[in-house]
Amino acid sequence: MPPDGRVLRVISRVTIDIVPSLEEDMIDCLLAFDQLIRFSSYEIRRHGDSGALSALEKVTGRARALRFDVLLEAQFVDTLLSDVRTTVGLGAPYSITNLLDHGVL
Protein backbone atom coordinates (compact mmCIF):
# COMPACT_ATOMS: atom_id res chain seq x y z
CA MET A 1 0.00 0.00 0.00
CA PRO A 2 1.37 3.47 -0.87
CA PRO A 3 2.35 5.75 2.02
CA ASP A 4 -0.71 7.95 1.46
CA GLY A 5 -3.06 4.99 2.12
CA ARG A 6 -4.33 4.57 -1.46
CA VAL A 7 -5.13 1.06 -2.65
CA LEU A 8 -3.26 0.29 -5.85
CA ARG A 9 -5.34 -1.09 -8.71
CA VAL A 10 -4.24 -1.88 -12.25
CA ILE A 11 -5.91 0.82 -14.33
CA SER A 12 -6.05 0.73 -18.12
CA ARG A 13 -6.76 3.44 -20.64
CA VAL A 14 -8.64 2.15 -23.67
CA THR A 15 -8.45 4.50 -26.65
CA ILE A 16 -11.07 3.96 -29.37
CA ASP A 17 -11.43 5.96 -32.60
CA ILE A 18 -14.86 6.06 -34.24
CA VAL A 19 -16.53 7.82 -37.14
CA PRO A 20 -18.50 10.87 -35.96
CA SER A 21 -21.85 9.33 -36.90
CA LEU A 22 -21.42 6.76 -34.09
CA GLU A 23 -20.85 9.33 -31.33
CA GLU A 24 -24.25 8.98 -29.61
CA ASP A 25 -24.11 5.16 -29.72
CA MET A 26 -20.63 5.21 -28.16
CA ILE A 27 -21.63 7.66 -25.42
CA ASP A 28 -24.72 5.58 -24.60
CA CYS A 29 -22.61 2.40 -24.47
CA LEU A 30 -20.03 3.96 -22.15
CA LEU A 31 -22.59 5.56 -19.85
CA ALA A 32 -24.25 2.16 -19.43
CA PHE A 33 -20.92 0.50 -18.50
CA ASP A 34 -20.89 0.68 -14.70
CA GLN A 35 -17.26 -0.40 -14.24
CA LEU A 36 -15.59 2.53 -15.95
CA ILE A 37 -13.91 5.26 -13.92
CA ARG A 38 -14.40 8.02 -16.48
CA PHE A 39 -14.10 8.78 -20.18
CA SER A 40 -13.25 11.72 -22.40
CA SER A 41 -13.90 12.33 -26.08
CA TYR A 42 -12.45 14.72 -28.59
CA GLU A 43 -12.26 15.26 -32.33
CA ILE A 44 -9.15 14.10 -34.17
CA ARG A 45 -7.85 13.90 -37.74
CA ARG A 46 -6.59 10.47 -38.81
CA HIS A 47 -3.89 10.13 -41.46
CA GLY A 48 -2.59 7.09 -43.31
CA ASP A 49 -4.38 3.78 -43.93
CA SER A 50 -5.58 5.11 -47.29
CA GLY A 51 -7.60 1.94 -47.93
CA ALA A 52 -10.05 3.03 -45.22
CA LEU A 53 -10.40 6.60 -46.50
CA SER A 54 -13.17 7.92 -48.75
CA ALA A 55 -12.27 9.55 -52.08
CA LEU A 56 -12.48 13.04 -50.55
CA GLU A 57 -10.41 11.96 -47.54
CA LYS A 58 -7.75 10.55 -49.88
CA VAL A 59 -7.52 13.94 -51.62
CA THR A 60 -7.24 15.89 -48.35
CA GLY A 61 -5.05 13.25 -46.69
CA ARG A 62 -7.09 13.04 -43.51
CA ALA A 63 -10.30 11.68 -42.05
CA ARG A 64 -12.38 13.17 -39.25
CA ALA A 65 -12.84 10.87 -36.29
CA LEU A 66 -13.72 10.99 -32.61
CA ARG A 67 -11.35 9.57 -30.02
CA PHE A 68 -12.61 8.20 -26.73
CA ASP A 69 -10.20 7.67 -23.83
CA VAL A 70 -11.75 5.37 -21.25
CA LEU A 71 -10.27 4.66 -17.81
CA LEU A 72 -11.25 1.46 -16.05
CA GLU A 73 -9.77 -1.37 -14.03
CA ALA A 74 -7.80 -3.69 -16.29
CA GLN A 75 -9.97 -6.69 -15.41
CA PHE A 76 -12.95 -5.07 -17.22
CA VAL A 77 -11.24 -4.22 -20.53
CA ASP A 78 -12.38 -7.34 -22.42
CA THR A 79 -15.98 -6.83 -21.30
CA LEU A 80 -15.89 -3.19 -22.42
CA LEU A 81 -14.52 -4.10 -25.85
CA SER A 82 -17.19 -6.77 -26.25
CA ASP A 83 -19.92 -4.26 -25.33
CA VAL A 84 -18.58 -1.71 -27.81
CA ARG A 85 -18.43 -4.34 -30.59
CA THR A 86 -22.04 -5.33 -29.90
CA THR A 87 -23.52 -1.87 -29.32
CA VAL A 88 -21.47 0.43 -31.55
CA GLY A 89 -20.11 -1.93 -34.20
CA LEU A 90 -16.94 -3.40 -35.64
CA GLY A 91 -14.03 -1.73 -37.38
CA ALA A 92 -13.03 0.89 -34.80
CA PRO A 93 -9.27 0.98 -34.13
CA TYR A 94 -8.36 0.78 -30.45
CA SER A 95 -5.36 0.56 -28.15
CA ILE A 96 -4.90 -0.34 -24.50
CA THR A 97 -2.34 1.25 -22.17
CA ASN A 98 -1.80 0.34 -18.53
CA LEU A 99 -1.33 3.43 -16.36
CA LEU A 100 1.32 3.73 -13.69
CA ASP A 101 -0.82 6.10 -11.67
CA HIS A 102 -3.83 8.38 -11.93
CA GLY A 103 -5.73 10.61 -9.57
CA VAL A 104 -6.74 14.14 -8.77
CA LEU A 105 -4.24 16.82 -7.75
PDB file of N, CA and C in Angstrom:
ATOM      1  N   MET A   1       0.854  -1.173   0.000  1.00  0.00           N
ATOM      2  CA  MET A   1       0.000   0.000   0.000  1.00  0.00           C
ATOM      3  C   MET A   1       0.899   1.235   0.000  1.00  0.00           C
ATOM      4  N   PRO A   2       0.573   2.239  -0.839  1.00  0.00           N
ATOM      5  CA  PRO A   2       1.370   3.465  -0.868  1.00  0.00           C
ATOM      6  C   PRO A   2       1.316   4.190   0.474  1.00  0.00           C
ATOM      7  N   PRO A   3       2.308   5.032   0.748  1.00  0.00           N
ATOM      8  CA  PRO A   3       2.349   5.752   2.025  1.00  0.00           C
ATOM      9  C   PRO A   3       1.120   6.614   2.297  1.00  0.00           C
ATOM     10  N   ASP A   4       0.453   7.077   1.247  1.00  0.00           N
ATOM     11  CA  ASP A   4      -0.714   7.945   1.463  1.00  0.00           C
ATOM     12  C   ASP A   4      -1.997   7.158   1.706  1.00  0.00           C
ATOM     13  N   GLY A   5      -1.898   5.811   1.788  1.00  0.00           N
ATOM     14  CA  GLY A   5      -3.060   4.990   2.119  1.00  0.00           C
ATOM     15  C   GLY A   5      -3.908   4.560   0.942  1.00  0.00           C
ATOM     16  N   ARG A   6      -3.555   4.973  -0.291  1.00  0.00           N
ATOM     17  CA  ARG A   6      -4.333   4.566  -1.459  1.00  0.00           C
ATOM     18  C   ARG A   6      -4.170   3.077  -1.712  1.00  0.00           C
ATOM     19  N   VAL A   7      -5.197   2.451  -2.212  1.00  0.00           N
ATOM     20  CA  VAL A   7      -5.130   1.060  -2.645  1.00  0.00           C
ATOM     21  C   VAL A   7      -4.747   1.065  -4.119  1.00  0.00           C
ATOM     22  N   LEU A   8      -3.693   0.333  -4.466  1.00  0.00           N
ATOM     23  CA  LEU A   8      -3.258   0.286  -5.852  1.00  0.00           C
ATOM     24  C   LEU A   8      -4.113  -0.697  -6.646  1.00  0.00           C
ATOM     25  N   ARG A   9      -4.602  -0.243  -7.784  1.00  0.00           N
ATOM     26  CA  ARG A   9      -5.344  -1.085  -8.709  1.00  0.00           C
ATOM     27  C   ARG A   9      -4.690  -0.934 -10.072  1.00  0.00           C
ATOM     28  N   VAL A  10      -4.760  -1.978 -10.888  1.00  0.00           N
ATOM     29  CA  VAL A  10      -4.244  -1.878 -12.249  1.00  0.00           C
ATOM     30  C   VAL A  10      -5.312  -1.188 -13.082  1.00  0.00           C
ATOM     31  N   ILE A  11      -4.983   0.009 -13.554  1.00  0.00           N
ATOM     32  CA  ILE A  11      -5.914   0.820 -14.334  1.00  0.00           C
ATOM     33  C   ILE A  11      -5.435   0.846 -15.782  1.00  0.00           C
ATOM     34  N   SER A  12      -6.362   0.670 -16.697  1.00  0.00           N
ATOM     35  CA  SER A  12      -6.054   0.726 -18.122  1.00  0.00           C
ATOM     36  C   SER A  12      -6.759   1.905 -18.761  1.00  0.00           C
ATOM     37  N   ARG A  13      -6.112   2.446 -19.795  1.00  0.00           N
ATOM     38  CA  ARG A  13      -6.760   3.441 -20.642  1.00  0.00           C
ATOM     39  C   ARG A  13      -7.005   2.775 -21.985  1.00  0.00           C
ATOM     40  N   VAL A  14      -8.264   2.688 -22.370  1.00  0.00           N
ATOM     41  CA  VAL A  14      -8.641   2.150 -23.674  1.00  0.00           C
ATOM     42  C   VAL A  14      -8.944   3.345 -24.568  1.00  0.00           C
ATOM     43  N   THR A  15      -8.246   3.432 -25.684  1.00  0.00           N
ATOM     44  CA  THR A  15      -8.447   4.502 -26.649  1.00  0.00           C
ATOM     45  C   THR A  15      -9.130   3.903 -27.867  1.00  0.00           C
ATOM     46  N   ILE A  16     -10.283   4.475 -28.246  1.00  0.00           N
ATOM     47  CA  ILE A  16     -11.074   3.964 -29.365  1.00  0.00           C
ATOM     48  C   ILE A  16     -11.383   5.132 -30.294  1.00  0.00           C
ATOM     49  N   ASP A  17     -11.115   4.945 -31.591  1.00  0.00           N
ATOM     50  CA  ASP A  17     -11.432   5.958 -32.604  1.00  0.00           C
ATOM     51  C   ASP A  17     -12.657   5.502 -33.383  1.00  0.00           C
ATOM     52  N   ILE A  18     -13.642   6.395 -33.509  1.00  0.00           N
ATOM     53  CA  ILE A  18     -14.859   6.055 -34.238  1.00  0.00           C
ATOM     54  C   ILE A  18     -15.183   7.148 -35.247  1.00  0.00           C
ATOM     55  N   VAL A  19     -16.027   6.806 -36.218  1.00  0.00           N
ATOM     56  CA  VAL A  19     -16.528   7.821 -37.138  1.00  0.00           C
ATOM     57  C   VAL A  19     -17.532   8.678 -36.377  1.00  0.00           C
ATOM     58  N   PRO A  20     -17.621   9.966 -36.702  1.00  0.00           N
ATOM     59  CA  PRO A  20     -18.500  10.871 -35.957  1.00  0.00           C
ATOM     60  C   PRO A  20     -19.961  10.439 -35.895  1.00  0.00           C
ATOM     61  N   SER A  21     -20.444   9.734 -36.894  1.00  0.00           N
ATOM     62  CA  SER A  21     -21.855   9.328 -36.899  1.00  0.00           C
ATOM     63  C   SER A  21     -22.199   8.343 -35.787  1.00  0.00           C
ATOM     64  N   LEU A  22     -21.186   7.731 -35.165  1.00  0.00           N
ATOM     65  CA  LEU A  22     -21.424   6.762 -34.087  1.00  0.00           C
ATOM     66  C   LEU A  22     -21.277   7.368 -32.690  1.00  0.00           C
ATOM     67  N   GLU A  23     -21.117   8.679 -32.612  1.00  0.00           N
ATOM     68  CA  GLU A  23     -20.852   9.327 -31.328  1.00  0.00           C
ATOM     69  C   GLU A  23     -21.914   9.020 -30.273  1.00  0.00           C
ATOM     70  N   GLU A  24     -23.180   9.197 -30.606  1.00  0.00           N
ATOM     71  CA  GLU A  24     -24.248   8.984 -29.607  1.00  0.00           C
ATOM     72  C   GLU A  24     -24.301   7.526 -29.159  1.00  0.00           C
ATOM     73  N   ASP A  25     -24.119   6.587 -30.090  1.00  0.00           N
ATOM     74  CA  ASP A  25     -24.106   5.162 -29.723  1.00  0.00           C
ATOM     75  C   ASP A  25     -22.960   4.858 -28.760  1.00  0.00           C
ATOM     76  N   MET A  26     -21.783   5.448 -29.030  1.00  0.00           N
ATOM     77  CA  MET A  26     -20.632   5.214 -28.156  1.00  0.00           C
ATOM     78  C   MET A  26     -20.865   5.813 -26.777  1.00  0.00           C
ATOM     79  N   ILE A  27     -21.367   7.024 -26.720  1.00  0.00           N
ATOM     80  CA  ILE A  27     -21.627   7.659 -25.423  1.00  0.00           C
ATOM     81  C   ILE A  27     -22.645   6.844 -24.631  1.00  0.00           C
ATOM     82  N   ASP A  28     -23.716   6.407 -25.279  1.00  0.00           N
ATOM     83  CA  ASP A  28     -24.722   5.578 -24.596  1.00  0.00           C
ATOM     84  C   ASP A  28     -24.112   4.287 -24.073  1.00  0.00           C
ATOM     85  N   CYS A  29     -23.269   3.654 -24.881  1.00  0.00           N
ATOM     86  CA  CYS A  29     -22.611   2.404 -24.470  1.00  0.00           C
ATOM     87  C   CYS A  29     -21.736   2.638 -23.251  1.00  0.00           C
ATOM     88  N   LEU A  30     -20.939   3.693 -23.264  1.00  0.00           N
ATOM     89  CA  LEU A  30     -20.026   3.960 -22.148  1.00  0.00           C
ATOM     90  C   LEU A  30     -20.773   4.372 -20.883  1.00  0.00           C
ATOM     91  N   LEU A  31     -21.820   5.160 -21.024  1.00  0.00           N
ATOM     92  CA  LEU A  31     -22.591   5.557 -19.848  1.00  0.00           C
ATOM     93  C   LEU A  31     -23.280   4.370 -19.192  1.00  0.00           C
ATOM     94  N   ALA A  32     -23.600   3.350 -19.971  1.00  0.00           N
ATOM     95  CA  ALA A  32     -24.253   2.156 -19.431  1.00  0.00           C
ATOM     96  C   ALA A  32     -23.253   1.181 -18.809  1.00  0.00           C
ATOM     97  N   PHE A  33     -21.953   1.408 -19.003  1.00  0.00           N
ATOM     98  CA  PHE A  33     -20.919   0.495 -18.505  1.00  0.00           C
ATOM     99  C   PHE A  33     -20.518   0.932 -17.097  1.00  0.00           C
ATOM    100  N   ASP A  34     -21.055   0.263 -16.088  1.00  0.00           N
ATOM    101  CA  ASP A  34     -20.891   0.677 -14.695  1.00  0.00           C
ATOM    102  C   ASP A  34     -19.451   0.618 -14.182  1.00  0.00           C
ATOM    103  N   GLN A  35     -18.604  -0.203 -14.781  1.00  0.00           N
ATOM    104  CA  GLN A  35     -17.259  -0.401 -14.239  1.00  0.00           C
ATOM    105  C   GLN A  35     -16.248   0.646 -14.667  1.00  0.00           C
ATOM    106  N   LEU A  36     -16.610   1.569 -15.541  1.00  0.00           N
ATOM    107  CA  LEU A  36     -15.593   2.532 -15.948  1.00  0.00           C
ATOM    108  C   LEU A  36     -15.418   3.618 -14.895  1.00  0.00           C
ATOM    109  N   ILE A  37     -14.230   4.183 -14.861  1.00  0.00           N
ATOM    110  CA  ILE A  37     -13.913   5.259 -13.923  1.00  0.00           C
ATOM    111  C   ILE A  37     -14.375   6.584 -14.520  1.00  0.00           C
ATOM    112  N   ARG A  38     -13.963   6.836 -15.751  1.00  0.00           N
ATOM    113  CA  ARG A  38     -14.403   8.025 -16.484  1.00  0.00           C
ATOM    114  C   ARG A  38     -13.986   7.875 -17.940  1.00  0.00           C
ATOM    115  N   PHE A  39     -14.544   8.749 -18.787  1.00  0.00           N
ATOM    116  CA  PHE A  39     -14.102   8.784 -20.176  1.00  0.00           C
ATOM    117  C   PHE A  39     -14.126  10.211 -20.697  1.00  0.00           C
ATOM    118  N   SER A  40     -13.315  10.430 -21.716  1.00  0.00           N
ATOM    119  CA  SER A  40     -13.245  11.716 -22.398  1.00  0.00           C
ATOM    120  C   SER A  40     -13.361  11.458 -23.894  1.00  0.00           C
ATOM    121  N   SER A  41     -13.849  12.458 -24.622  1.00  0.00           N
ATOM    122  CA  SER A  41     -13.904  12.327 -26.077  1.00  0.00           C
ATOM    123  C   SER A  41     -13.478  13.645 -26.707  1.00  0.00           C
ATOM    124  N   TYR A  42     -12.890  13.538 -27.882  1.00  0.00           N
ATOM    125  CA  TYR A  42     -12.451  14.720 -28.595  1.00  0.00           C
ATOM    126  C   TYR A  42     -12.288  14.389 -30.071  1.00  0.00           C
ATOM    127  N   GLU A  43     -12.377  15.436 -30.892  1.00  0.00           N
ATOM    128  CA  GLU A  43     -12.258  15.265 -32.333  1.00  0.00           C
ATOM    129  C   GLU A  43     -10.792  15.169 -32.722  1.00  0.00           C
ATOM    130  N   ILE A  44     -10.507  14.272 -33.665  1.00  0.00           N
ATOM    131  CA  ILE A  44      -9.146  14.098 -34.173  1.00  0.00           C
ATOM    132  C   ILE A  44      -9.186  14.061 -35.700  1.00  0.00           C
ATOM    133  N   ARG A  45      -8.029  14.122 -36.305  1.00  0.00           N
ATOM    134  CA  ARG A  45      -7.850  13.902 -37.740  1.00  0.00           C
ATOM    135  C   ARG A  45      -6.941  12.694 -37.883  1.00  0.00           C
ATOM    136  N   ARG A  46      -7.411  11.678 -38.580  1.00  0.00           N
ATOM    137  CA  ARG A  46      -6.592  10.475 -38.807  1.00  0.00           C
ATOM    138  C   ARG A  46      -5.917  10.568 -40.159  1.00  0.00           C
ATOM    139  N   HIS A  47      -4.679  10.105 -40.228  1.00  0.00           N
ATOM    140  CA  HIS A  47      -3.888  10.128 -41.458  1.00  0.00           C
ATOM    141  C   HIS A  47      -3.363   8.728 -41.712  1.00  0.00           C
ATOM    142  N   GLY A  48      -3.099   8.410 -42.967  1.00  0.00           N
ATOM    143  CA  GLY A  48      -2.590   7.091 -43.313  1.00  0.00           C
ATOM    144  C   GLY A  48      -3.721   6.116 -43.539  1.00  0.00           C
ATOM    145  N   ASP A  49      -3.388   4.838 -43.694  1.00  0.00           N
ATOM    146  CA  ASP A  49      -4.380   3.776 -43.926  1.00  0.00           C
ATOM    147  C   ASP A  49      -5.338   4.194 -45.033  1.00  0.00           C
ATOM    148  N   SER A  50      -4.778   4.540 -46.202  1.00  0.00           N
ATOM    149  CA  SER A  50      -5.578   5.105 -47.288  1.00  0.00           C
ATOM    150  C   SER A  50      -6.673   4.170 -47.782  1.00  0.00           C
ATOM    151  N   GLY A  51      -6.556   2.874 -47.523  1.00  0.00           N
ATOM    152  CA  GLY A  51      -7.604   1.937 -47.928  1.00  0.00           C
ATOM    153  C   GLY A  51      -8.913   2.178 -47.200  1.00  0.00           C
ATOM    154  N   ALA A  52      -8.841   2.788 -46.021  1.00  0.00           N
ATOM    155  CA  ALA A  52     -10.048   3.031 -45.222  1.00  0.00           C
ATOM    156  C   ALA A  52     -10.602   4.436 -45.431  1.00  0.00           C
ATOM    157  N   LEU A  53      -9.971   5.230 -46.287  1.00  0.00           N
ATOM    158  CA  LEU A  53     -10.403   6.604 -46.505  1.00  0.00           C
ATOM    159  C   LEU A  53     -11.360   6.694 -47.692  1.00  0.00           C
ATOM    160  N   SER A  54     -12.301   7.646 -47.617  1.00  0.00           N
ATOM    161  CA  SER A  54     -13.173   7.919 -48.750  1.00  0.00           C
ATOM    162  C   SER A  54     -12.370   8.642 -49.825  1.00  0.00           C
ATOM    163  N   ALA A  55     -12.966   8.852 -51.000  1.00  0.00           N
ATOM    164  CA  ALA A  55     -12.269   9.548 -52.082  1.00  0.00           C
ATOM    165  C   ALA A  55     -11.871  10.954 -51.654  1.00  0.00           C
ATOM    166  N   LEU A  56     -12.792  11.686 -51.013  1.00  0.00           N
ATOM    167  CA  LEU A  56     -12.479  13.039 -50.550  1.00  0.00           C
ATOM    168  C   LEU A  56     -11.366  13.017 -49.502  1.00  0.00           C
ATOM    169  N   GLU A  57     -11.434  12.058 -48.586  1.00  0.00           N
ATOM    170  CA  GLU A  57     -10.414  11.962 -47.545  1.00  0.00           C
ATOM    171  C   GLU A  57      -9.042  11.632 -48.139  1.00  0.00           C
ATOM    172  N   LYS A  58      -9.027  10.851 -49.223  1.00  0.00           N
ATOM    173  CA  LYS A  58      -7.750  10.551 -49.884  1.00  0.00           C
ATOM    174  C   LYS A  58      -7.150  11.817 -50.485  1.00  0.00           C
ATOM    175  N   VAL A  59      -7.997  12.687 -51.030  1.00  0.00           N
ATOM    176  CA  VAL A  59      -7.517  13.942 -51.625  1.00  0.00           C
ATOM    177  C   VAL A  59      -6.966  14.859 -50.536  1.00  0.00           C
ATOM    178  N   THR A  60      -7.685  14.982 -49.420  1.00  0.00           N
ATOM    179  CA  THR A  60      -7.244  15.887 -48.352  1.00  0.00           C
ATOM    180  C   THR A  60      -6.183  15.258 -47.464  1.00  0.00           C
ATOM    181  N   GLY A  61      -6.063  13.941 -47.488  1.00  0.00           N
ATOM    182  CA  GLY A  61      -5.046  13.254 -46.689  1.00  0.00           C
ATOM    183  C   GLY A  61      -5.404  13.067 -45.234  1.00  0.00           C
ATOM    184  N   ARG A  62      -6.692  13.200 -44.907  1.00  0.00           N
ATOM    185  CA  ARG A  62      -7.093  13.036 -43.508  1.00  0.00           C
ATOM    186  C   ARG A  62      -8.573  12.658 -43.437  1.00  0.00           C
ATOM    187  N   ALA A  63      -8.909  12.051 -42.317  1.00  0.00           N
ATOM    188  CA  ALA A  63     -10.297  11.681 -42.047  1.00  0.00           C
ATOM    189  C   ALA A  63     -10.680  12.189 -40.667  1.00  0.00           C
ATOM    190  N   ARG A  64     -11.879  12.751 -40.557  1.00  0.00           N
ATOM    191  CA  ARG A  64     -12.378  13.174 -39.250  1.00  0.00           C
ATOM    192  C   ARG A  64     -12.754  11.934 -38.458  1.00  0.00           C
ATOM    193  N   ALA A  65     -12.474  11.971 -37.178  1.00  0.00           N
ATOM    194  CA  ALA A  65     -12.845  10.869 -36.287  1.00  0.00           C
ATOM    195  C   ALA A  65     -13.018  11.432 -34.878  1.00  0.00           C
ATOM    196  N   LEU A  66     -13.621  10.653 -34.032  1.00  0.00           N
ATOM    197  CA  LEU A  66     -13.722  10.986 -32.613  1.00  0.00           C
ATOM    198  C   LEU A  66     -12.910   9.976 -31.837  1.00  0.00           C
ATOM    199  N   ARG A  67     -12.146  10.454 -30.875  1.00  0.00           N
ATOM    200  CA  ARG A  67     -11.353   9.568 -30.018  1.00  0.00           C
ATOM    201  C   ARG A  67     -11.958   9.571 -28.627  1.00  0.00           C
ATOM    202  N   PHE A  68     -12.130   8.381 -28.098  1.00  0.00           N
ATOM    203  CA  PHE A  68     -12.610   8.198 -26.735  1.00  0.00           C
ATOM    204  C   PHE A  68     -11.492   7.586 -25.916  1.00  0.00           C
ATOM    205  N   ASP A  69     -11.154   8.215 -24.806  1.00  0.00           N
ATOM    206  CA  ASP A  69     -10.203   7.674 -23.833  1.00  0.00           C
ATOM    207  C   ASP A  69     -11.003   7.237 -22.619  1.00  0.00           C
ATOM    208  N   VAL A  70     -10.944   5.957 -22.318  1.00  0.00           N
ATOM    209  CA  VAL A  70     -11.752   5.370 -21.252  1.00  0.00           C
ATOM    210  C   VAL A  70     -10.822   4.817 -20.180  1.00  0.00           C
ATOM    211  N   LEU A  71     -11.032   5.210 -18.926  1.00  0.00           N
ATOM    212  CA  LEU A  71     -10.265   4.661 -17.806  1.00  0.00           C
ATOM    213  C   LEU A  71     -11.122   3.662 -17.064  1.00  0.00           C
ATOM    214  N   LEU A  72     -10.552   2.487 -16.808  1.00  0.00           N
ATOM    215  CA  LEU A  72     -11.247   1.461 -16.050  1.00  0.00           C
ATOM    216  C   LEU A  72     -10.227   0.472 -15.513  1.00  0.00           C
ATOM    217  N   GLU A  73     -10.667  -0.333 -14.551  1.00  0.00           N
ATOM    218  CA  GLU A  73      -9.775  -1.370 -14.034  1.00  0.00           C
ATOM    219  C   GLU A  73      -9.498  -2.366 -15.150  1.00  0.00           C
ATOM    220  N   ALA A  74      -8.251  -2.829 -15.208  1.00  0.00           N
ATOM    221  CA  ALA A  74      -7.802  -3.694 -16.293  1.00  0.00           C
ATOM    222  C   ALA A  74      -8.665  -4.949 -16.445  1.00  0.00           C
ATOM    223  N   GLN A  75      -9.189  -5.450 -15.354  1.00  0.00           N
ATOM    224  CA  GLN A  75      -9.974  -6.687 -15.413  1.00  0.00           C
ATOM    225  C   GLN A  75     -11.262  -6.545 -16.225  1.00  0.00           C
ATOM    226  N   PHE A  76     -11.703  -5.303 -16.499  1.00  0.00           N
ATOM    227  CA  PHE A  76     -12.954  -5.075 -17.220  1.00  0.00           C
ATOM    228  C   PHE A  76     -12.755  -4.700 -18.689  1.00  0.00           C
ATOM    229  N   VAL A  77     -11.512  -4.657 -19.164  1.00  0.00           N
ATOM    230  CA  VAL A  77     -11.239  -4.219 -20.531  1.00  0.00           C
ATOM    231  C   VAL A  77     -11.920  -5.121 -21.559  1.00  0.00           C
ATOM    232  N   ASP A  78     -11.788  -6.437 -21.436  1.00  0.00           N
ATOM    233  CA  ASP A  78     -12.380  -7.343 -22.423  1.00  0.00           C
ATOM    234  C   ASP A  78     -13.895  -7.202 -22.485  1.00  0.00           C
ATOM    235  N   THR A  79     -14.526  -7.010 -21.338  1.00  0.00           N
ATOM    236  CA  THR A  79     -15.979  -6.826 -21.304  1.00  0.00           C
ATOM    237  C   THR A  79     -16.367  -5.530 -21.995  1.00  0.00           C
ATOM    238  N   LEU A  80     -15.608  -4.459 -21.751  1.00  0.00           N
ATOM    239  CA  LEU A  80     -15.888  -3.187 -22.416  1.00  0.00           C
ATOM    240  C   LEU A  80     -15.787  -3.334 -23.927  1.00  0.00           C
ATOM    241  N   LEU A  81     -14.700  -3.943 -24.401  1.00  0.00           N
ATOM    242  CA  LEU A  81     -14.520  -4.103 -25.848  1.00  0.00           C
ATOM    243  C   LEU A  81     -15.644  -4.927 -26.453  1.00  0.00           C
ATOM    244  N   SER A  82     -16.074  -5.955 -25.768  1.00  0.00           N
ATOM    245  CA  SER A  82     -17.193  -6.770 -26.250  1.00  0.00           C
ATOM    246  C   SER A  82     -18.467  -5.936 -26.339  1.00  0.00           C
ATOM    247  N   ASP A  83     -18.730  -5.121 -25.315  1.00  0.00           N
ATOM    248  CA  ASP A  83     -19.918  -4.260 -25.326  1.00  0.00           C
ATOM    249  C   ASP A  83     -19.874  -3.263 -26.474  1.00  0.00           C
ATOM    250  N   VAL A  84     -18.706  -2.677 -26.714  1.00  0.00           N
ATOM    251  CA  VAL A  84     -18.576  -1.710 -27.809  1.00  0.00           C
ATOM    252  C   VAL A  84     -18.803  -2.400 -29.151  1.00  0.00           C
ATOM    253  N   ARG A  85     -18.220  -3.592 -29.340  1.00  0.00           N
ATOM    254  CA  ARG A  85     -18.432  -4.337 -30.592  1.00  0.00           C
ATOM    255  C   ARG A  85     -19.915  -4.603 -30.832  1.00  0.00           C
ATOM    256  N   THR A  86     -20.621  -4.985 -29.782  1.00  0.00           N
ATOM    257  CA  THR A  86     -22.037  -5.332 -29.896  1.00  0.00           C
ATOM    258  C   THR A  86     -22.916  -4.105 -30.083  1.00  0.00           C
ATOM    259  N   THR A  87     -22.652  -3.050 -29.336  1.00  0.00           N
ATOM    260  CA  THR A  87     -23.521  -1.871 -29.318  1.00  0.00           C
ATOM    261  C   THR A  87     -23.190  -0.866 -30.406  1.00  0.00           C
ATOM    262  N   VAL A  88     -21.900  -0.620 -30.628  1.00  0.00           N
ATOM    263  CA  VAL A  88     -21.469   0.433 -31.553  1.00  0.00           C
ATOM    264  C   VAL A  88     -21.114  -0.145 -32.912  1.00  0.00           C
ATOM    265  N   GLY A  89     -20.453  -1.288 -32.941  1.00  0.00           N
ATOM    266  CA  GLY A  89     -20.107  -1.928 -34.203  1.00  0.00           C
ATOM    267  C   GLY A  89     -18.642  -2.292 -34.287  1.00  0.00           C
ATOM    268  N   LEU A  90     -18.303  -2.935 -35.391  1.00  0.00           N
ATOM    269  CA  LEU A  90     -16.940  -3.402 -35.637  1.00  0.00           C
ATOM    270  C   LEU A  90     -16.169  -2.379 -36.467  1.00  0.00           C
ATOM    271  N   GLY A  91     -14.859  -2.540 -36.506  1.00  0.00           N
ATOM    272  CA  GLY A  91     -14.030  -1.728 -37.377  1.00  0.00           C
ATOM    273  C   GLY A  91     -13.403  -0.507 -36.742  1.00  0.00           C
ATOM    274  N   ALA A  92     -13.613  -0.283 -35.467  1.00  0.00           N
ATOM    275  CA  ALA A  92     -13.026   0.885 -34.799  1.00  0.00           C
ATOM    276  C   ALA A  92     -11.644   0.523 -34.256  1.00  0.00           C
ATOM    277  N   PRO A  93     -10.595   1.249 -34.676  1.00  0.00           N
ATOM    278  CA  PRO A  93      -9.271   0.975 -34.127  1.00  0.00           C
ATOM    279  C   PRO A  93      -9.217   1.323 -32.637  1.00  0.00           C
ATOM    280  N   TYR A  94      -8.485   0.522 -31.885  1.00  0.00           N
ATOM    281  CA  TYR A  94      -8.358   0.784 -30.449  1.00  0.00           C
ATOM    282  C   TYR A  94      -6.963   0.414 -29.979  1.00  0.00           C
ATOM    283  N   SER A  95      -6.606   0.939 -28.817  1.00  0.00           N
ATOM    284  CA  SER A  95      -5.355   0.558 -28.152  1.00  0.00           C
ATOM    285  C   SER A  95      -5.606   0.549 -26.654  1.00  0.00           C
ATOM    286  N   ILE A  96      -4.766  -0.203 -25.952  1.00  0.00           N
ATOM    287  CA  ILE A  96      -4.896  -0.337 -24.498  1.00  0.00           C
ATOM    288  C   ILE A  96      -3.543  -0.005 -23.888  1.00  0.00           C
ATOM    289  N   THR A  97      -3.554   0.862 -22.876  1.00  0.00           N
ATOM    290  CA  THR A  97      -2.343   1.252 -22.165  1.00  0.00           C
ATOM    291  C   THR A  97      -2.600   1.100 -20.666  1.00  0.00           C
ATOM    292  N   ASN A  98      -1.703   0.410 -19.993  1.00  0.00           N
ATOM    293  CA  ASN A  98      -1.797   0.344 -18.531  1.00  0.00           C
ATOM    294  C   ASN A  98      -1.151   1.595 -17.942  1.00  0.00           C
ATOM    295  N   LEU A  99      -1.816   2.188 -16.966  1.00  0.00           N
ATOM    296  CA  LEU A  99      -1.328   3.428 -16.363  1.00  0.00           C
ATOM    297  C   LEU A  99      -0.522   3.122 -15.107  1.00  0.00           C
ATOM    298  N   LEU A 100       0.523   3.881 -14.896  1.00  0.00           N
ATOM    299  CA  LEU A 100       1.319   3.731 -13.686  1.00  0.00           C
ATOM    300  C   LEU A 100       0.611   4.352 -12.496  1.00  0.00           C
ATOM    301  N   ASP A 101      -0.133   5.418 -12.746  1.00  0.00           N
ATOM    302  CA  ASP A 101      -0.825   6.098 -11.672  1.00  0.00           C
ATOM    303  C   ASP A 101      -1.880   7.013 -12.291  1.00  0.00           C
ATOM    304  N   HIS A 102      -2.859   7.374 -11.518  1.00  0.00           N
ATOM    305  CA  HIS A 102      -3.833   8.376 -11.931  1.00  0.00           C
ATOM    306  C   HIS A 102      -4.478   8.899 -10.656  1.00  0.00           C
ATOM    307  N   GLY A 103      -5.083  10.038 -10.748  1.00  0.00           N
ATOM    308  CA  GLY A 103      -5.733  10.606  -9.567  1.00  0.00           C
ATOM    309  C   GLY A 103      -6.122  12.037  -9.811  1.00  0.00           C
ATOM    310  N   VAL A 104      -6.363  12.725  -8.730  1.00  0.00           N
ATOM    311  CA  VAL A 104      -6.744  14.138  -8.773  1.00  0.00           C
ATOM    312  C   VAL A 104      -5.737  14.908  -7.933  1.00  0.00           C
ATOM    313  N   LEU A 105      -5.218  15.996  -8.472  1.00  0.00           N
ATOM    314  CA  LEU A 105      -4.240  16.815  -7.751  1.00  0.00           C
ATOM    315  C   LEU A 105      -4.932  17.828  -6.876  1.00  0.00           C
TER     316      LEU A 105
END
